[in-house]
Amino acid sequence: SPVEVASVLGATVGRALHRLAHGIDDRPVAERASSKQISAESTFAEDIVELDALRPAIRKAAAGAHRRLLTDGRGARTVVLKLKRADMSILTRSTTLPAATTDLETLTSMARRLAIDPHTVGPIRLVGVGFSGLS
């Protein structure tokens, strides 16, 4: 009850949290600020263990992020490659271009250059490509 919550958390915070917990929120809804990064990623049913299998996964993730980039109407300077290994640890690498671009081939090429051979780092469970430095 509101009285119980107020007795534990205080009159002001307790009542406010009780209202929020019941879906009552009179605060105005504000639009989100523009995105600082755009990305796409995929998790695989079977781990990627070969570099030849990693490359198409990077291409697919880059294409997905690129579609979002075009919809957003901005170009990207920084390309980030995210690899989640089978042990759930995450490796990220990034590179920055001299100027923002929307060119899919350029962005994909940069992401592929960041790839790390699974023989070196272990099996890969997730591949993601992100674009930032948007303008």
C-alpha atoms as a PDB file:
ATOM      1  CA  SER A   1       0.000   0.000   0.000  1.00  0.00           C
ATOM      2  CA  PRO A   2       1.131   3.627  -0.353  1.00  0.00           C
ATOM      3  CA  VAL A   3       1.337   3.915   3.434  1.00  0.00           C
ATOM      4  CA  GLU A   4       3.648   0.896   3.740  1.00  0.00           C
ATOM      5  CA  VAL A   5       5.943   2.100   0.955  1.00  0.00           C
ATOM      6  CA  ALA A   6       6.059   5.601   2.472  1.00  0.00           C
ATOM      7  CA  SER A   7       6.956   4.171   5.897  1.00  0.00           C
ATOM      8  CA  VAL A   8       9.939   2.305   4.419  1.00  0.00           C
ATOM      9  CA  LEU A   9      11.160   4.768   1.771  1.00  0.00           C
ATOM     10  CA  GLY A  10       9.865   8.081   3.077  1.00  0.00           C
ATOM     11  CA  ALA A  11       6.810  10.131   2.269  1.00  0.00           C
ATOM     12  CA  THR A  12       8.054  11.757  -0.932  1.00  0.00           C
ATOM     13  CA  VAL A  13      10.052   8.959  -2.573  1.00  0.00           C
ATOM     14  CA  GLY A  14       7.757   6.186  -1.345  1.00  0.00           C
ATOM     15  CA  ARG A  15       4.623   7.734  -2.766  1.00  0.00           C
ATOM     16  CA  ALA A  16       6.316   8.559  -6.079  1.00  0.00           C
ATOM     17  CA  LEU A  17       7.694   5.026  -6.489  1.00  0.00           C
ATOM     18  CA  HIS A  18       4.350   3.492  -5.550  1.00  0.00           C
ATOM     19  CA  ARG A  19       2.630   5.539  -8.263  1.00  0.00           C
ATOM     20  CA  LEU A  20       5.275   4.571 -10.857  1.00  0.00           C
ATOM     21  CA  ALA A  21       5.011   0.895  -9.881  1.00  0.00           C
ATOM     22  CA  HIS A  22       1.292   1.101 -10.650  1.00  0.00           C
ATOM     23  CA  GLY A  23       1.848   2.743 -14.025  1.00  0.00           C
ATOM     24  CA  ILE A  24       0.856   6.219 -12.918  1.00  0.00           C
ATOM     25  CA  ASP A  25       3.228   8.823 -14.310  1.00  0.00           C
ATOM     26  CA  ASP A  26       2.130  12.374 -15.084  1.00  0.00           C
ATOM     27  CA  ARG A  27       5.504  13.515 -16.399  1.00  0.00           C
ATOM     28  CA  PRO A  28       5.467  14.789 -19.987  1.00  0.00           C
ATOM     29  CA  VAL A  29       6.859  12.486 -22.655  1.00  0.00           C
ATOM     30  CA  ALA A  30       9.843  13.964 -24.464  1.00  0.00           C
ATOM     31  CA  GLU A  31      11.299  12.937 -27.795  1.00  0.00           C
ATOM     32  CA  ARG A  32      14.596  11.108 -27.722  1.00  0.00           C
ATOM     33  CA  ALA A  33      17.707  12.974 -28.657  1.00  0.00           C
ATOM     34  CA  SER A  34      19.269  11.987 -31.962  1.00  0.00           C
ATOM     35  CA  SER A  35      21.252   8.746 -31.933  1.00  0.00           C
ATOM     36  CA  LYS A  36      24.940   8.854 -31.128  1.00  0.00           C
ATOM     37  CA  GLN A  37      25.566   5.511 -32.771  1.00  0.00           C
ATOM     38  CA  ILE A  38      23.807   3.118 -35.098  1.00  0.00           C
ATOM     39  CA  SER A  39      24.492  -0.609 -35.035  1.00  0.00           C
ATOM     40  CA  ALA A  40      23.294  -4.077 -35.938  1.00  0.00           C
ATOM     41  CA  GLU A  41      24.328  -7.424 -34.523  1.00  0.00           C
ATOM     42  CA  SER A  42      23.488 -11.099 -34.788  1.00  0.00           C
ATOM     43  CA  THR A  43      23.871 -13.985 -32.393  1.00  0.00           C
ATOM     44  CA  PHE A  44      24.538 -17.362 -33.984  1.00  0.00           C
ATOM     45  CA  ALA A  45      23.160 -20.771 -33.049  1.00  0.00           C
ATOM     46  CA  GLU A  46      26.601 -22.245 -33.687  1.00  0.00           C
ATOM     47  CA  ASP A  47      29.860 -20.489 -32.918  1.00  0.00           C
ATOM     48  CA  ILE A  48      31.938 -19.083 -35.758  1.00  0.00           C
ATOM     49  CA  VAL A  49      35.316 -20.769 -35.683  1.00  0.00           C
ATOM     50  CA  GLU A  50      36.762 -19.801 -39.077  1.00  0.00           C
ATOM     51  CA  LEU A  51      37.728 -16.403 -40.473  1.00  0.00           C
ATOM     52  CA  ASP A  52      36.005 -17.323 -43.755  1.00  0.00           C
ATOM     53  CA  ALA A  53      32.706 -17.647 -41.842  1.00  0.00           C
ATOM     54  CA  LEU A  54      33.304 -14.424 -39.882  1.00  0.00           C
ATOM     55  CA  ARG A  55      33.646 -12.228 -42.973  1.00  0.00           C
ATOM     56  CA  PRO A  56      30.069 -12.749 -44.292  1.00  0.00           C
ATOM     57  CA  ALA A  57      28.715 -12.221 -40.768  1.00  0.00           C
ATOM     58  CA  ILE A  58      30.509  -8.875 -40.633  1.00  0.00           C
ATOM     59  CA  ARG A  59      29.178  -7.959 -44.082  1.00  0.00           C
ATOM     60  CA  LYS A  60      25.605  -8.782 -43.000  1.00  0.00           C
ATOM     61  CA  ALA A  61      25.877  -6.760 -39.774  1.00  0.00           C
ATOM     62  CA  ALA A  62      27.410  -3.819 -41.646  1.00  0.00           C
ATOM     63  CA  ALA A  63      24.578  -3.920 -44.192  1.00  0.00           C
ATOM     64  CA  GLY A  64      21.984  -3.900 -41.405  1.00  0.00           C
ATOM     65  CA  ALA A  65      23.621  -0.945 -39.682  1.00  0.00           C
ATOM     66  CA  HIS A  66      24.003   0.789 -43.045  1.00  0.00           C
ATOM     67  CA  ARG A  67      20.246   0.573 -43.701  1.00  0.00           C
ATOM     68  CA  ARG A  68      19.637   2.298 -40.371  1.00  0.00           C
ATOM     69  CA  LEU A  69      22.306   4.880 -41.158  1.00  0.00           C
ATOM     70  CA  LEU A  70      20.612   5.781 -44.434  1.00  0.00           C
ATOM     71  CA  THR A  71      17.227   6.017 -42.715  1.00  0.00           C
ATOM     72  CA  ASP A  72      18.793   8.333 -40.139  1.00  0.00           C
ATOM     73  CA  GLY A  73      20.113  10.557 -42.923  1.00  0.00           C
ATOM     74  CA  ARG A  74      23.627  10.995 -41.565  1.00  0.00           C
ATOM     75  CA  GLY A  75      27.084   9.689 -42.412  1.00  0.00           C
ATOM     76  CA  ALA A  76      29.524   7.951 -40.057  1.00  0.00           C
ATOM     77  CA  ARG A  77      33.219   8.488 -39.365  1.00  0.00           C
ATOM     78  CA  THR A  78      33.867   5.690 -36.881  1.00  0.00           C
ATOM     79  CA  VAL A  79      33.320   1.980 -37.496  1.00  0.00           C
ATOM     80  CA  VAL A  80      33.159  -0.394 -34.515  1.00  0.00           C
ATOM     81  CA  LEU A  81      33.357  -4.185 -34.690  1.00  0.00           C
ATOM     82  CA  LYS A  82      31.950  -6.096 -31.727  1.00  0.00           C
ATOM     83  CA  LEU A  83      32.708  -9.783 -31.253  1.00  0.00           C
ATOM     84  CA  LYS A  84      31.227 -11.766 -28.388  1.00  0.00           C
ATOM     85  CA  ARG A  85      33.134 -14.947 -27.757  1.00  0.00           C
ATOM     86  CA  ALA A  86      31.640 -18.265 -26.682  1.00  0.00           C
ATOM     87  CA  ASP A  87      32.670 -17.514 -23.077  1.00  0.00           C
ATOM     88  CA  MET A  88      30.527 -14.312 -23.348  1.00  0.00           C
ATOM     89  CA  SER A  89      33.509 -11.964 -23.141  1.00  0.00           C
ATOM     90  CA  ILE A  90      33.329  -9.095 -25.609  1.00  0.00           C
ATOM     91  CA  LEU A  91      36.036  -7.787 -27.910  1.00  0.00           C
ATOM     92  CA  THR A  92      35.612  -4.439 -29.625  1.00  0.00           C
ATOM     93  CA  ARG A  93      37.820  -2.716 -32.140  1.00  0.00           C
ATOM     94  CA  SER A  94      37.266   0.548 -33.936  1.00  0.00           C
ATOM     95  CA  THR A  95      38.731   2.779 -36.589  1.00  0.00           C
ATOM     96  CA  THR A  96      37.948   6.323 -37.620  1.00  0.00           C
ATOM     97  CA  LEU A  97      37.797   7.638 -41.159  1.00  0.00           C
ATOM     98  CA  PRO A  98      38.985  11.142 -42.094  1.00  0.00           C
ATOM     99  CA  ALA A  99      35.447  12.153 -43.141  1.00  0.00           C
ATOM    100  CA  ALA A 100      31.919  10.894 -42.594  1.00  0.00           C
ATOM    101  CA  THR A 101      30.507   8.613 -45.287  1.00  0.00           C
ATOM    102  CA  THR A 102      27.403   6.620 -46.142  1.00  0.00           C
ATOM    103  CA  ASP A 103      29.229   4.417 -48.642  1.00  0.00           C
ATOM    104  CA  LEU A 104      28.423   0.803 -47.789  1.00  0.00           C
ATOM    105  CA  GLU A 105      31.572  -0.603 -49.381  1.00  0.00           C
ATOM    106  CA  THR A 106      33.842   1.768 -47.443  1.00  0.00           C
ATOM    107  CA  LEU A 107      32.121   1.089 -44.119  1.00  0.00           C
ATOM    108  CA  THR A 108      32.038  -2.679 -44.669  1.00  0.00           C
ATOM    109  CA  SER A 109      35.668  -2.737 -45.739  1.00  0.00           C
ATOM    110  CA  MET A 110      36.693  -0.908 -42.565  1.00  0.00           C
ATOM    111  CA  ALA A 111      34.703  -3.345 -40.409  1.00  0.00           C
ATOM    112  CA  ARG A 112      36.270  -6.347 -42.149  1.00  0.00           C
ATOM    113  CA  ARG A 113      39.761  -4.929 -41.579  1.00  0.00           C
ATOM    114  CA  LEU A 114      39.028  -4.959 -37.854  1.00  0.00           C
ATOM    115  CA  ALA A 115      38.247  -8.696 -37.860  1.00  0.00           C
ATOM    116  CA  ILE A 116      40.212 -11.006 -35.599  1.00  0.00           C
ATOM    117  CA  ASP A 117      40.714 -14.622 -36.621  1.00  0.00           C
ATOM    118  CA  PRO A 118      38.639 -16.942 -34.383  1.00  0.00           C
ATOM    119  CA  HIS A 119      41.648 -19.270 -34.267  1.00  0.00           C
ATOM    120  CA  THR A 120      43.404 -16.505 -32.323  1.00  0.00           C
ATOM    121  CA  VAL A 121      40.621 -15.405 -29.963  1.00  0.00           C
ATOM    122  CA  GLY A 122      38.369 -18.440 -29.783  1.00  0.00           C
ATOM    123  CA  PRO A 123      34.886 -19.214 -31.097  1.00  0.00           C
ATOM    124  CA  ILE A 124      32.644 -16.224 -31.848  1.00  0.00           C
ATOM    125  CA  ARG A 125      28.986 -16.271 -30.775  1.00  0.00           C
ATOM    126  CA  LEU A 126      27.866 -12.735 -31.787  1.00  0.00           C
ATOM    127  CA  VAL A 127      29.005 -10.266 -34.438  1.00  0.00           C
ATOM    128  CA  GLY A 128      28.030  -6.615 -34.420  1.00  0.00           C
ATOM    129  CA  VAL A 129      28.967  -3.587 -36.497  1.00  0.00           C
ATOM    130  CA  GLY A 130      28.330  -0.076 -35.307  1.00  0.00           C
ATOM    131  CA  PHE A 131      28.757   3.366 -36.783  1.00  0.00           C
ATOM    132  CA  SER A 132      29.387   6.482 -34.715  1.00  0.00           C
ATOM    133  CA  GLY A 133      30.813   9.932 -35.188  1.00  0.00           C
ATOM    134  CA  LEU A 134      27.571  10.682 -37.004  1.00  0.00           C
ATOM    135  CA  SER A 135      27.118  13.884 -38.963  1.00  0.00           C
END
